[in-house]
Amino acid sequence: MKKSLHEKETEIERMKHERTQWLSSDYPSTIQRLTEDNQALKQQCQMQQHQIDLLRMEYEKKLEVEQLKTDFAKKEAELLLLSQRKLRKEDHDDPPRKRGRPRKDEPILSVRGQQQLFTDVYDNAEDGQNQEYDLPDDAEGLYEMLGDEPPQK
């Protein structure tokens, strides 16, 4: 019993000490300090939320720009593909070009034994240009026009 009485007295002393601490506390200044801390934390939270909103808006704009770039690239690729298809369709209207080596019955050598050059492209280009110069078709005529002598064989 002594022990329990002693424990109760210690508990009472501890409570008295705690009560004196509470009574000695300056409640209004503590409340004021906590209120100011709370306001500062709220303001800091609002600023952080505003920064988060700005970052989110910036991210959304960047995402929108990237989506527009991607859509533009898709459309550009589709247009290129369509134009290539259109060109291929137009090419199919032309007679098919021969590929590979010429057949044995097709002459590829000229009368003098020299290989003939593909001149259709050059002839078409000449037709498109101004025809103020009348150039000869063979090498001998060109030498005559220039006033040179053809090389000796």
N, C-alpha and C. Protein backbone atom coordinates (compact mmCIF):
# COMPACT_ATOMS: atom_id res chain seq x y z
N MET A 1 0.79 -1.18 0.00
CA MET A 1 0.00 0.00 0.00
C MET A 1 0.85 1.26 0.00
N LYS A 2 1.94 1.17 0.70
CA LYS A 2 2.84 2.29 0.72
C LYS A 2 3.32 2.62 -0.69
N LYS A 3 3.56 1.58 -1.39
CA LYS A 3 4.06 1.75 -2.74
C LYS A 3 3.00 2.41 -3.61
N SER A 4 1.82 1.99 -3.55
CA SER A 4 0.77 2.56 -4.37
C SER A 4 0.49 4.00 -3.97
N LEU A 5 0.58 4.30 -2.66
CA LEU A 5 0.39 5.66 -2.19
C LEU A 5 1.52 6.55 -2.70
N HIS A 6 2.69 6.04 -2.65
CA HIS A 6 3.84 6.79 -3.13
C HIS A 6 3.72 7.05 -4.64
N GLU A 7 3.28 6.08 -5.41
CA GLU A 7 3.08 6.24 -6.85
C GLU A 7 2.02 7.29 -7.13
N LYS A 8 0.97 7.29 -6.34
CA LYS A 8 -0.09 8.27 -6.55
C LYS A 8 0.40 9.67 -6.23
N GLU A 9 1.21 9.81 -5.21
CA GLU A 9 1.75 11.12 -4.87
C GLU A 9 2.70 11.62 -5.98
N THR A 10 3.48 10.75 -6.53
CA THR A 10 4.36 11.12 -7.64
C THR A 10 3.54 11.54 -8.86
N GLU A 11 2.50 10.85 -9.10
CA GLU A 11 1.62 11.20 -10.23
C GLU A 11 1.00 12.56 -9.99
N ILE A 12 0.57 12.83 -8.76
CA ILE A 12 -0.04 14.13 -8.43
C ILE A 12 0.99 15.24 -8.61
N GLU A 13 2.21 15.01 -8.18
CA GLU A 13 3.27 16.02 -8.33
C GLU A 13 3.56 16.30 -9.81
N ARG A 14 3.59 15.27 -10.56
CA ARG A 14 3.84 15.42 -12.01
C ARG A 14 2.73 16.24 -12.65
N MET A 15 1.49 15.97 -12.28
CA MET A 15 0.35 16.71 -12.83
C MET A 15 0.39 18.17 -12.39
N LYS A 16 0.76 18.42 -11.16
CA LYS A 16 0.88 19.80 -10.68
C LYS A 16 1.94 20.56 -11.48
N HIS A 17 3.05 19.89 -11.70
CA HIS A 17 4.13 20.51 -12.47
C HIS A 17 3.67 20.82 -13.91
N GLU A 18 2.98 19.89 -14.50
CA GLU A 18 2.46 20.09 -15.86
C GLU A 18 1.46 21.24 -15.88
N ARG A 19 0.59 21.30 -14.85
CA ARG A 19 -0.40 22.37 -14.78
C ARG A 19 0.28 23.73 -14.63
N THR A 20 1.32 23.81 -13.85
CA THR A 20 2.03 25.09 -13.71
C THR A 20 2.69 25.50 -15.02
N GLN A 21 3.18 24.53 -15.77
CA GLN A 21 3.75 24.86 -17.08
C GLN A 21 2.68 25.41 -18.01
N TRP A 22 1.53 24.81 -18.00
CA TRP A 22 0.45 25.29 -18.85
C TRP A 22 -0.02 26.67 -18.40
N LEU A 23 -0.10 26.86 -17.13
CA LEU A 23 -0.54 28.16 -16.62
C LEU A 23 0.50 29.24 -16.92
N SER A 24 1.76 28.87 -16.92
CA SER A 24 2.80 29.86 -17.18
C SER A 24 2.94 30.15 -18.68
N SER A 25 2.38 29.34 -19.50
CA SER A 25 2.45 29.55 -20.95
C SER A 25 1.69 30.80 -21.34
N ASP A 26 2.23 31.45 -22.40
CA ASP A 26 1.58 32.64 -22.93
C ASP A 26 0.71 32.20 -24.10
N TYR A 27 -0.53 31.89 -23.80
CA TYR A 27 -1.44 31.37 -24.83
C TYR A 27 -1.65 32.32 -26.00
N PRO A 28 -1.92 33.58 -25.76
CA PRO A 28 -2.17 34.46 -26.91
C PRO A 28 -0.98 34.54 -27.87
N SER A 29 0.23 34.62 -27.36
CA SER A 29 1.39 34.70 -28.27
C SER A 29 1.60 33.38 -29.00
N THR A 30 1.35 32.26 -28.33
CA THR A 30 1.48 30.96 -28.97
C THR A 30 0.44 30.82 -30.08
N ILE A 31 -0.77 31.22 -29.78
CA ILE A 31 -1.84 31.17 -30.79
C ILE A 31 -1.49 32.07 -31.97
N GLN A 32 -0.99 33.27 -31.68
CA GLN A 32 -0.61 34.20 -32.74
C GLN A 32 0.50 33.61 -33.61
N ARG A 33 1.52 33.04 -32.97
CA ARG A 33 2.64 32.44 -33.71
C ARG A 33 2.16 31.29 -34.59
N LEU A 34 1.30 30.42 -34.04
CA LEU A 34 0.77 29.30 -34.82
C LEU A 34 -0.09 29.79 -35.98
N THR A 35 -0.87 30.85 -35.76
CA THR A 35 -1.70 31.42 -36.82
C THR A 35 -0.83 31.98 -37.94
N GLU A 36 0.23 32.69 -37.57
CA GLU A 36 1.15 33.24 -38.58
C GLU A 36 1.85 32.13 -39.36
N ASP A 37 2.28 31.10 -38.64
CA ASP A 37 2.90 29.96 -39.31
C ASP A 37 1.93 29.31 -40.29
N ASN A 38 0.68 29.18 -39.85
CA ASN A 38 -0.35 28.59 -40.69
C ASN A 38 -0.56 29.43 -41.95
N GLN A 39 -0.64 30.76 -41.80
CA GLN A 39 -0.82 31.66 -42.95
C GLN A 39 0.37 31.56 -43.90
N ALA A 40 1.58 31.53 -43.35
CA ALA A 40 2.77 31.42 -44.19
C ALA A 40 2.77 30.10 -44.97
N LEU A 41 2.38 29.03 -44.30
CA LEU A 41 2.32 27.74 -44.98
C LEU A 41 1.25 27.72 -46.07
N LYS A 42 0.11 28.36 -45.79
CA LYS A 42 -0.95 28.44 -46.80
C LYS A 42 -0.47 29.23 -48.02
N GLN A 43 0.22 30.36 -47.77
CA GLN A 43 0.72 31.18 -48.87
C GLN A 43 1.77 30.40 -49.68
N GLN A 44 2.65 29.71 -48.98
CA GLN A 44 3.66 28.90 -49.66
C GLN A 44 2.99 27.80 -50.50
N CYS A 45 1.96 27.20 -49.94
CA CYS A 45 1.22 26.16 -50.67
C CYS A 45 0.57 26.73 -51.92
N GLN A 46 -0.03 27.93 -51.80
CA GLN A 46 -0.66 28.57 -52.95
C GLN A 46 0.37 28.89 -54.03
N MET A 47 1.55 29.37 -53.63
CA MET A 47 2.59 29.68 -54.61
C MET A 47 3.07 28.41 -55.31
N GLN A 48 3.24 27.34 -54.55
CA GLN A 48 3.65 26.08 -55.15
C GLN A 48 2.57 25.54 -56.09
N GLN A 49 1.32 25.69 -55.69
CA GLN A 49 0.22 25.25 -56.56
C GLN A 49 0.20 26.06 -57.85
N HIS A 50 0.46 27.36 -57.73
CA HIS A 50 0.52 28.23 -58.91
C HIS A 50 1.67 27.80 -59.83
N GLN A 51 2.83 27.50 -59.25
CA GLN A 51 3.96 27.03 -60.05
C GLN A 51 3.64 25.70 -60.73
N ILE A 52 2.96 24.84 -60.01
CA ILE A 52 2.56 23.55 -60.59
C ILE A 52 1.61 23.78 -61.76
N ASP A 53 0.66 24.71 -61.59
CA ASP A 53 -0.28 25.03 -62.67
C ASP A 53 0.46 25.59 -63.88
N LEU A 54 1.44 26.47 -63.64
CA LEU A 54 2.22 27.03 -64.75
C LEU A 54 3.01 25.95 -65.47
N LEU A 55 3.62 25.06 -64.72
CA LEU A 55 4.37 23.96 -65.33
C LEU A 55 3.45 23.04 -66.13
N ARG A 56 2.27 22.79 -65.58
CA ARG A 56 1.30 21.94 -66.28
C ARG A 56 0.87 22.60 -67.59
N MET A 57 0.60 23.91 -67.53
CA MET A 57 0.19 24.62 -68.74
C MET A 57 1.32 24.62 -69.78
N GLU A 58 2.56 24.82 -69.32
CA GLU A 58 3.70 24.79 -70.23
C GLU A 58 3.84 23.41 -70.87
N TYR A 59 3.69 22.37 -70.07
CA TYR A 59 3.77 21.01 -70.58
C TYR A 59 2.66 20.75 -71.61
N GLU A 60 1.45 21.21 -71.30
CA GLU A 60 0.33 21.02 -72.24
C GLU A 60 0.60 21.73 -73.55
N LYS A 61 1.18 22.94 -73.50
CA LYS A 61 1.50 23.67 -74.73
C LYS A 61 2.56 22.93 -75.53
N LYS A 62 3.60 22.44 -74.83
CA LYS A 62 4.64 21.68 -75.52
C LYS A 62 4.07 20.42 -76.14
N LEU A 63 3.19 19.77 -75.42
CA LEU A 63 2.55 18.56 -75.94
C LEU A 63 1.71 18.89 -77.17
N GLU A 64 0.98 19.99 -77.10
CA GLU A 64 0.16 20.41 -78.24
C GLU A 64 1.03 20.72 -79.45
N VAL A 65 2.17 21.40 -79.24
CA VAL A 65 3.08 21.71 -80.33
C VAL A 65 3.63 20.42 -80.95
N GLU A 66 4.03 19.48 -80.11
CA GLU A 66 4.55 18.21 -80.61
C GLU A 66 3.48 17.44 -81.39
N GLN A 67 2.24 17.49 -80.90
CA GLN A 67 1.15 16.81 -81.62
C GLN A 67 0.92 17.48 -82.98
N LEU A 68 0.98 18.81 -83.01
CA LEU A 68 0.82 19.51 -84.28
C LEU A 68 1.96 19.18 -85.24
N LYS A 69 3.18 19.12 -84.72
CA LYS A 69 4.31 18.75 -85.57
C LYS A 69 4.14 17.34 -86.12
N THR A 70 3.69 16.43 -85.26
CA THR A 70 3.49 15.05 -85.68
C THR A 70 2.38 14.97 -86.73
N ASP A 71 1.28 15.67 -86.49
CA ASP A 71 0.19 15.68 -87.47
C ASP A 71 0.65 16.27 -88.79
N PHE A 72 1.45 17.34 -88.73
CA PHE A 72 1.95 17.96 -89.94
C PHE A 72 2.86 16.99 -90.70
N ALA A 73 3.73 16.30 -89.97
CA ALA A 73 4.63 15.34 -90.61
C ALA A 73 3.83 14.21 -91.26
N LYS A 74 2.76 13.75 -90.57
CA LYS A 74 1.91 12.70 -91.15
C LYS A 74 1.26 13.19 -92.44
N LYS A 75 0.69 14.39 -92.38
CA LYS A 75 0.01 14.94 -93.57
C LYS A 75 1.01 15.12 -94.71
N GLU A 76 2.21 15.61 -94.37
CA GLU A 76 3.22 15.81 -95.39
C GLU A 76 3.62 14.48 -96.03
N ALA A 77 3.78 13.45 -95.20
CA ALA A 77 4.13 12.13 -95.72
C ALA A 77 2.99 11.57 -96.59
N GLU A 78 1.75 11.78 -96.15
CA GLU A 78 0.61 11.32 -96.95
C GLU A 78 0.56 12.03 -98.29
N LEU A 79 0.79 13.35 -98.28
CA LEU A 79 0.78 14.10 -99.53
C LEU A 79 1.90 13.64 -100.46
N LEU A 80 3.07 13.39 -99.89
CA LEU A 80 4.18 12.90 -100.69
C LEU A 80 3.85 11.55 -101.29
N LEU A 81 3.25 10.68 -100.48
CA LEU A 81 2.87 9.36 -100.97
C LEU A 81 1.82 9.47 -102.08
N LEU A 82 0.84 10.34 -101.87
CA LEU A 82 -0.19 10.53 -102.89
C LEU A 82 0.40 11.09 -104.18
N SER A 83 1.31 12.04 -104.06
CA SER A 83 1.91 12.61 -105.27
C SER A 83 2.76 11.57 -105.99
N GLN A 84 3.45 10.71 -105.22
CA GLN A 84 4.22 9.64 -105.86
C GLN A 84 3.30 8.65 -106.55
N ARG A 85 2.19 8.34 -105.92
CA ARG A 85 1.22 7.43 -106.56
C ARG A 85 0.66 8.05 -107.83
N LYS A 86 0.38 9.35 -107.77
CA LYS A 86 -0.16 10.04 -108.94
C LYS A 86 0.87 10.02 -110.07
N LEU A 87 2.13 10.26 -109.72
CA LEU A 87 3.17 10.21 -110.74
C LEU A 87 3.30 8.81 -111.32
N ARG A 88 3.19 7.79 -110.46
CA ARG A 88 3.27 6.42 -110.95
C ARG A 88 2.10 6.11 -111.89
N LYS A 89 0.91 6.60 -111.54
CA LYS A 89 -0.25 6.37 -112.41
C LYS A 89 -0.05 7.05 -113.75
N GLU A 90 0.51 8.27 -113.72
CA GLU A 90 0.79 8.96 -114.97
C GLU A 90 1.85 8.22 -115.76
N ASP A 91 2.83 7.64 -115.07
CA ASP A 91 3.88 6.88 -115.75
C ASP A 91 3.32 5.61 -116.37
N HIS A 92 2.29 5.03 -115.76
CA HIS A 92 1.70 3.81 -116.32
C HIS A 92 1.00 4.10 -117.64
N ASP A 93 0.59 5.34 -117.84
CA ASP A 93 -0.01 5.70 -119.11
C ASP A 93 1.04 5.69 -120.23
N ASP A 94 2.28 5.99 -119.89
CA ASP A 94 3.36 5.95 -120.87
C ASP A 94 3.69 4.49 -121.16
N PRO A 95 4.29 4.23 -122.32
CA PRO A 95 4.68 2.84 -122.59
C PRO A 95 5.78 2.43 -121.61
N PRO A 96 5.78 1.17 -121.21
CA PRO A 96 6.79 0.73 -120.23
C PRO A 96 8.19 0.82 -120.82
N ARG A 97 9.13 1.20 -119.98
CA ARG A 97 10.52 1.31 -120.44
C ARG A 97 11.17 -0.06 -120.38
N LYS A 98 12.08 -0.26 -121.31
CA LYS A 98 12.79 -1.54 -121.34
C LYS A 98 13.94 -1.47 -120.36
N ARG A 99 14.16 -2.58 -119.69
CA ARG A 99 15.25 -2.66 -118.72
C ARG A 99 16.20 -3.78 -119.13
N GLY A 100 17.42 -3.67 -118.68
CA GLY A 100 18.38 -4.74 -118.94
C GLY A 100 19.11 -4.53 -120.25
N ARG A 101 19.77 -5.56 -120.70
CA ARG A 101 20.55 -5.49 -121.93
C ARG A 101 19.62 -5.54 -123.14
N PRO A 102 20.00 -4.88 -124.22
CA PRO A 102 19.17 -4.94 -125.44
C PRO A 102 19.25 -6.33 -126.07
N ARG A 103 18.22 -6.66 -126.79
CA ARG A 103 18.20 -7.95 -127.48
C ARG A 103 19.21 -7.93 -128.62
N LYS A 104 19.55 -9.12 -129.06
CA LYS A 104 20.55 -9.21 -130.12
C LYS A 104 20.05 -8.61 -131.42
N ASP A 105 18.75 -8.64 -131.65
CA ASP A 105 18.23 -8.11 -132.90
C ASP A 105 18.09 -6.59 -132.88
N GLU A 106 18.29 -5.95 -131.71
CA GLU A 106 18.23 -4.49 -131.63
C GLU A 106 19.63 -3.94 -131.85
N PRO A 107 19.81 -3.08 -132.83
CA PRO A 107 21.15 -2.55 -133.09
C PRO A 107 21.53 -1.53 -132.02
N ILE A 108 22.72 -1.71 -131.46
CA ILE A 108 23.21 -0.74 -130.50
C ILE A 108 24.46 -0.04 -131.03
N LEU A 109 24.95 -0.49 -132.16
CA LEU A 109 26.14 0.12 -132.72
C LEU A 109 25.77 0.94 -133.94
N SER A 110 26.48 2.02 -134.15
CA SER A 110 26.22 2.86 -135.32
C SER A 110 26.91 2.25 -136.53
N VAL A 111 26.82 2.96 -137.62
CA VAL A 111 27.40 2.47 -138.86
C VAL A 111 28.92 2.35 -138.72
N ARG A 112 29.53 3.29 -138.01
CA ARG A 112 30.98 3.28 -137.87
C ARG A 112 31.45 2.32 -136.77
N GLY A 113 30.54 1.67 -136.08
CA GLY A 113 30.92 0.73 -135.04
C GLY A 113 31.02 1.36 -133.66
N GLN A 114 30.60 2.60 -133.52
CA GLN A 114 30.62 3.25 -132.22
C GLN A 114 29.26 3.10 -131.56
N GLN A 115 29.29 3.05 -130.27
CA GLN A 115 28.03 2.88 -129.53
C GLN A 115 27.22 4.17 -129.62
N GLN A 116 25.92 4.01 -129.87
CA GLN A 116 25.05 5.18 -129.93
C GLN A 116 24.73 5.65 -128.53
N LEU A 117 24.65 6.96 -128.35
CA LEU A 117 24.33 7.53 -127.06
C LEU A 117 22.83 7.77 -126.95
N PHE A 118 22.35 7.74 -125.75
CA PHE A 118 20.94 8.05 -125.49
C PHE A 118 20.78 9.56 -125.60
N THR A 119 20.14 10.01 -126.67
CA THR A 119 20.09 11.46 -126.93
C THR A 119 18.69 12.04 -126.84
N ASP A 120 17.70 11.24 -126.52
CA ASP A 120 16.34 11.78 -126.45
C ASP A 120 16.24 12.91 -125.44
N VAL A 121 16.88 12.75 -124.30
CA VAL A 121 16.81 13.77 -123.26
C VAL A 121 17.44 15.05 -123.75
N TYR A 122 18.60 14.92 -124.42
CA TYR A 122 19.28 16.11 -124.91
C TYR A 122 18.50 16.78 -126.03
N ASP A 123 17.90 15.97 -126.90
CA ASP A 123 17.09 16.53 -127.99
C ASP A 123 15.90 17.29 -127.44
N ASN A 124 15.23 16.72 -126.43
CA ASN A 124 14.08 17.40 -125.82
C ASN A 124 14.52 18.69 -125.15
N ALA A 125 15.69 18.67 -124.52
CA ALA A 125 16.19 19.88 -123.86
C ALA A 125 16.51 20.94 -124.90
N GLU A 126 17.08 20.52 -126.03
CA GLU A 126 17.38 21.48 -127.10
C GLU A 126 16.11 22.09 -127.65
N ASP A 127 15.06 21.29 -127.80
CA ASP A 127 13.80 21.82 -128.32
C ASP A 127 13.25 22.89 -127.40
N GLY A 128 13.44 22.70 -126.10
CA GLY A 128 12.93 23.66 -125.13
C GLY A 128 13.74 24.94 -125.08
N GLN A 129 14.98 24.93 -125.54
CA GLN A 129 15.83 26.11 -125.49
C GLN A 129 15.62 26.97 -126.72
N ASN A 130 16.22 28.13 -126.66
CA ASN A 130 16.16 29.05 -127.78
C ASN A 130 16.97 28.47 -128.94
N GLN A 131 16.43 28.49 -130.13
CA GLN A 131 17.06 27.85 -131.28
C GLN A 131 17.87 28.85 -132.11
N GLU A 132 18.61 29.74 -131.46
CA GLU A 132 19.38 30.70 -132.24
C GLU A 132 20.66 30.08 -132.80
N TYR A 133 21.13 28.97 -132.21
CA TYR A 133 22.31 28.28 -132.73
C TYR A 133 21.85 27.00 -133.41
N ASP A 134 22.29 26.81 -134.66
CA ASP A 134 21.94 25.59 -135.39
C ASP A 134 23.17 24.70 -135.39
N LEU A 135 23.23 23.76 -134.45
CA LEU A 135 24.39 22.89 -134.32
C LEU A 135 24.23 21.67 -135.21
N PRO A 136 25.32 21.22 -135.79
CA PRO A 136 25.25 20.01 -136.62
C PRO A 136 25.00 18.78 -135.75
N ASP A 137 24.47 17.73 -136.38
CA ASP A 137 24.12 16.52 -135.66
C ASP A 137 25.30 15.57 -135.49
N ASP A 138 26.30 15.63 -136.37
CA ASP A 138 27.42 14.69 -136.27
C ASP A 138 28.71 15.43 -135.95
N ALA A 139 29.74 14.66 -135.61
CA ALA A 139 31.02 15.24 -135.19
C ALA A 139 31.72 15.95 -136.33
N GLU A 140 31.64 15.39 -137.56
CA GLU A 140 32.32 16.01 -138.70
C GLU A 140 31.75 17.39 -138.99
N GLY A 141 30.43 17.52 -138.89
CA GLY A 141 29.80 18.82 -139.11
C GLY A 141 30.21 19.82 -138.05
N LEU A 142 30.39 19.35 -136.84
CA LEU A 142 30.82 20.22 -135.75
C LEU A 142 32.24 20.71 -135.99
N TYR A 143 33.12 19.79 -136.43
CA TYR A 143 34.48 20.20 -136.74
C TYR A 143 34.49 21.24 -137.85
N GLU A 144 33.66 21.03 -138.88
CA GLU A 144 33.58 21.99 -139.98
C GLU A 144 33.09 23.34 -139.50
N MET A 145 32.08 23.33 -138.59
CA MET A 145 31.53 24.58 -138.09
C MET A 145 32.57 25.35 -137.28
N LEU A 146 33.38 24.63 -136.51
CA LEU A 146 34.40 25.26 -135.68
C LEU A 146 35.64 25.62 -136.49
N GLY A 147 35.78 25.08 -137.66
CA GLY A 147 36.94 25.36 -138.49
C GLY A 147 38.13 24.50 -138.14
N ASP A 148 37.92 23.43 -137.43
CA ASP A 148 39.01 22.52 -137.08
C ASP A 148 39.00 21.34 -138.04
N GLU A 149 40.12 20.66 -138.05
CA GLU A 149 40.18 19.45 -138.87
C GLU A 149 39.86 18.26 -137.98
N PRO A 150 39.11 17.30 -138.49
CA PRO A 150 38.81 16.12 -137.69
C PRO A 150 40.10 15.36 -137.39
N PRO A 151 40.16 14.67 -136.25
CA PRO A 151 41.38 13.91 -135.92
C PRO A 151 41.60 12.79 -136.93
N GLN A 152 42.86 12.53 -137.20
CA GLN A 152 43.22 11.48 -138.15
C GLN A 152 43.13 10.12 -137.48
N LYS A 153 42.63 9.12 -138.23
CA LYS A 153 42.47 7.78 -137.66
C LYS A 153 43.61 6.91 -138.04
